[in-house]
Amino acid sequence: IVQLSALRVPAKPAGLPATFQTTTEHHDQLRRCLNDTNLPRVARITGAAIRLYALPVSRIHDLRVDKFHRDADRAYLTLDQFPVRLPPKLAVIIEEQIRDPVSRSVLANPVADRTYLMPGRPPTRPIAVSSLQRLLSEN
């Protein structure tokens, strides 16, 4: 720890990561994202995208509603220009989010603007990366 008068700044860790998540822990977290209806929907979508597709939060926070589509019996989310097939449970969660987006803003009508899968403040903008990271860490 480096001390500068009253300010304490933790030293940056040296070396490579030494602890890793087990496959069982990974699967348990994915299962929780897909099945635990007590989790906020946005956390479920984000957690599942991280676990399934190894996407960083910075690539998930600004997903747009128009990137989700269905054909006869499958659902897809287009990442960059590539449609990625979704598990049925995740597709249902995303459809619920599109149909009933969660918004904490009283200034705008979230139903009027359905651009972002995870609307922020205001709903015409995506949720902030920091807000999404905090939501994940709290759940």
Protein backbone atom coordinates (compact mmCIF):
# COMPACT_ATOMS: atom_id res chain seq x y z
CA ILE A 1 0.00 0.00 0.00
CA VAL A 2 1.26 3.43 -0.95
CA GLN A 3 0.39 6.15 1.55
CA LEU A 4 0.04 9.78 0.44
CA SER A 5 -0.70 11.90 3.52
CA ALA A 6 -4.23 10.81 4.57
CA LEU A 7 -4.98 9.04 1.29
CA ARG A 8 -4.31 5.31 1.09
CA VAL A 9 -4.07 3.81 -2.39
CA PRO A 10 -3.88 0.01 -2.62
CA ALA A 11 -0.95 -1.30 -4.63
CA LYS A 12 -1.82 -2.81 -7.99
CA PRO A 13 -1.69 -6.60 -7.80
CA ALA A 14 1.35 -8.07 -9.52
CA GLY A 15 1.31 -11.13 -11.73
CA LEU A 16 -1.35 -13.08 -13.49
CA PRO A 17 -4.63 -14.22 -11.96
CA ALA A 18 -4.18 -17.17 -9.65
CA THR A 19 -7.74 -18.25 -8.92
CA PHE A 20 -10.26 -19.41 -11.48
CA GLN A 21 -13.90 -20.37 -11.45
CA THR A 22 -14.63 -24.07 -11.71
CA THR A 23 -16.83 -25.47 -14.46
CA THR A 24 -19.45 -26.33 -11.83
CA GLU A 25 -19.48 -22.73 -10.53
CA HIS A 26 -19.78 -21.46 -14.10
CA HIS A 27 -22.74 -23.75 -14.84
CA ASP A 28 -24.40 -22.91 -11.50
CA GLN A 29 -24.22 -19.19 -12.28
CA LEU A 30 -25.63 -19.72 -15.78
CA ARG A 31 -28.44 -21.90 -14.39
CA ARG A 32 -29.24 -19.16 -11.85
CA CYS A 33 -29.37 -16.49 -14.57
CA LEU A 34 -31.76 -18.56 -16.66
CA ASN A 35 -34.03 -19.74 -13.84
CA ASP A 36 -33.96 -17.42 -10.80
CA THR A 37 -36.90 -15.05 -11.26
CA ASN A 38 -35.89 -13.22 -8.05
CA LEU A 39 -32.91 -11.73 -9.89
CA PRO A 40 -33.47 -8.49 -11.81
CA ARG A 41 -34.15 -9.32 -15.46
CA VAL A 42 -31.30 -7.10 -16.66
CA ALA A 43 -28.86 -9.02 -14.41
CA ARG A 44 -30.20 -12.32 -15.75
CA ILE A 45 -29.70 -11.27 -19.38
CA THR A 46 -26.25 -9.85 -18.73
CA GLY A 47 -25.08 -12.78 -16.63
CA ALA A 48 -26.29 -15.29 -19.20
CA ALA A 49 -24.58 -13.40 -22.05
CA ILE A 50 -21.34 -13.36 -20.09
CA ARG A 51 -21.55 -17.06 -19.23
CA LEU A 52 -22.68 -18.24 -22.69
CA TYR A 53 -20.78 -15.97 -25.05
CA ALA A 54 -17.93 -14.56 -22.90
CA LEU A 55 -19.07 -11.02 -23.67
CA PRO A 56 -17.74 -8.21 -21.49
CA VAL A 57 -20.28 -5.90 -19.85
CA SER A 58 -19.07 -3.11 -22.14
CA ARG A 59 -20.40 -5.09 -25.13
CA ILE A 60 -23.71 -6.02 -23.47
CA HIS A 61 -24.90 -2.73 -21.96
CA ASP A 62 -25.85 -1.13 -25.28
CA LEU A 63 -27.55 -4.06 -27.02
CA ARG A 64 -30.48 -2.85 -29.08
CA VAL A 65 -33.93 -4.36 -29.30
CA ASP A 66 -33.67 -4.65 -33.09
CA LYS A 67 -30.74 -7.08 -32.68
CA PHE A 68 -33.15 -9.73 -31.35
CA HIS A 69 -35.19 -11.77 -33.81
CA ARG A 70 -37.00 -15.06 -34.15
CA ASP A 71 -37.55 -17.40 -37.04
CA ALA A 72 -40.00 -20.31 -36.95
CA ASP A 73 -38.65 -22.00 -33.82
CA ARG A 74 -35.36 -20.32 -32.91
CA ALA A 75 -34.31 -16.97 -31.47
CA TYR A 76 -31.17 -15.00 -32.28
CA LEU A 77 -29.29 -12.00 -30.98
CA THR A 78 -27.05 -10.30 -33.52
CA LEU A 79 -23.64 -9.49 -32.06
CA ASP A 80 -21.70 -7.24 -34.40
CA GLN A 81 -23.02 -8.62 -37.70
CA PHE A 82 -23.33 -12.27 -36.59
CA PRO A 83 -26.63 -13.73 -35.40
CA VAL A 84 -26.03 -15.97 -32.38
CA ARG A 85 -28.61 -18.60 -31.51
CA LEU A 86 -30.08 -18.15 -28.03
CA PRO A 87 -31.18 -20.86 -25.62
CA PRO A 88 -34.99 -20.84 -25.38
CA LYS A 89 -35.02 -19.67 -21.74
CA LEU A 90 -32.80 -16.69 -22.51
CA ALA A 91 -34.94 -15.82 -25.53
CA VAL A 92 -38.03 -15.71 -23.29
CA ILE A 93 -36.28 -13.44 -20.77
CA ILE A 94 -35.21 -11.08 -23.57
CA GLU A 95 -38.75 -11.05 -25.00
CA GLU A 96 -40.09 -10.13 -21.54
CA GLN A 97 -37.54 -7.32 -21.32
CA ILE A 98 -38.52 -5.99 -24.74
CA ARG A 99 -42.22 -6.18 -23.92
CA ASP A 100 -41.86 -4.67 -20.43
CA PRO A 101 -38.54 -2.77 -20.09
CA VAL A 102 -37.47 -1.80 -16.61
CA SER A 103 -36.88 1.93 -16.33
CA ARG A 104 -36.27 4.05 -13.27
CA SER A 105 -36.80 7.35 -15.04
CA VAL A 106 -39.91 9.45 -14.55
CA LEU A 107 -38.83 11.88 -17.27
CA ALA A 108 -39.40 9.68 -20.30
CA ASN A 109 -41.83 7.02 -21.36
CA PRO A 110 -39.87 3.76 -21.69
CA VAL A 111 -42.62 2.26 -23.85
CA ALA A 112 -42.30 5.06 -26.41
CA ASP A 113 -38.59 4.40 -27.03
CA ARG A 114 -37.61 0.77 -27.26
CA THR A 115 -34.20 1.22 -28.79
CA TYR A 116 -32.09 -0.34 -26.04
CA LEU A 117 -32.65 -3.77 -24.54
CA MET A 118 -31.51 -2.39 -21.19
CA PRO A 119 -32.55 1.26 -21.04
CA GLY A 120 -30.72 3.63 -18.73
CA ARG A 121 -31.40 7.10 -17.43
CA PRO A 122 -32.99 8.48 -19.51
CA PRO A 123 -34.44 5.45 -21.31
CA THR A 124 -33.30 6.91 -24.62
CA ARG A 125 -29.75 5.89 -23.57
CA PRO A 126 -28.43 2.44 -22.64
CA ILE A 127 -27.76 1.51 -19.05
CA ALA A 128 -24.32 2.68 -17.95
CA VAL A 129 -21.59 0.05 -17.77
CA SER A 130 -20.88 1.00 -14.15
CA SER A 131 -24.56 0.61 -13.23
CA LEU A 132 -24.69 -2.80 -14.86
CA GLN A 133 -21.48 -3.93 -13.12
CA ARG A 134 -22.86 -2.75 -9.77
CA LEU A 135 -26.13 -4.62 -10.38
CA LEU A 136 -24.21 -7.81 -11.13
CA SER A 137 -22.01 -7.50 -8.06
CA GLU A 138 -25.05 -6.92 -5.82
CA ASN A 139 -26.78 -10.03 -7.11
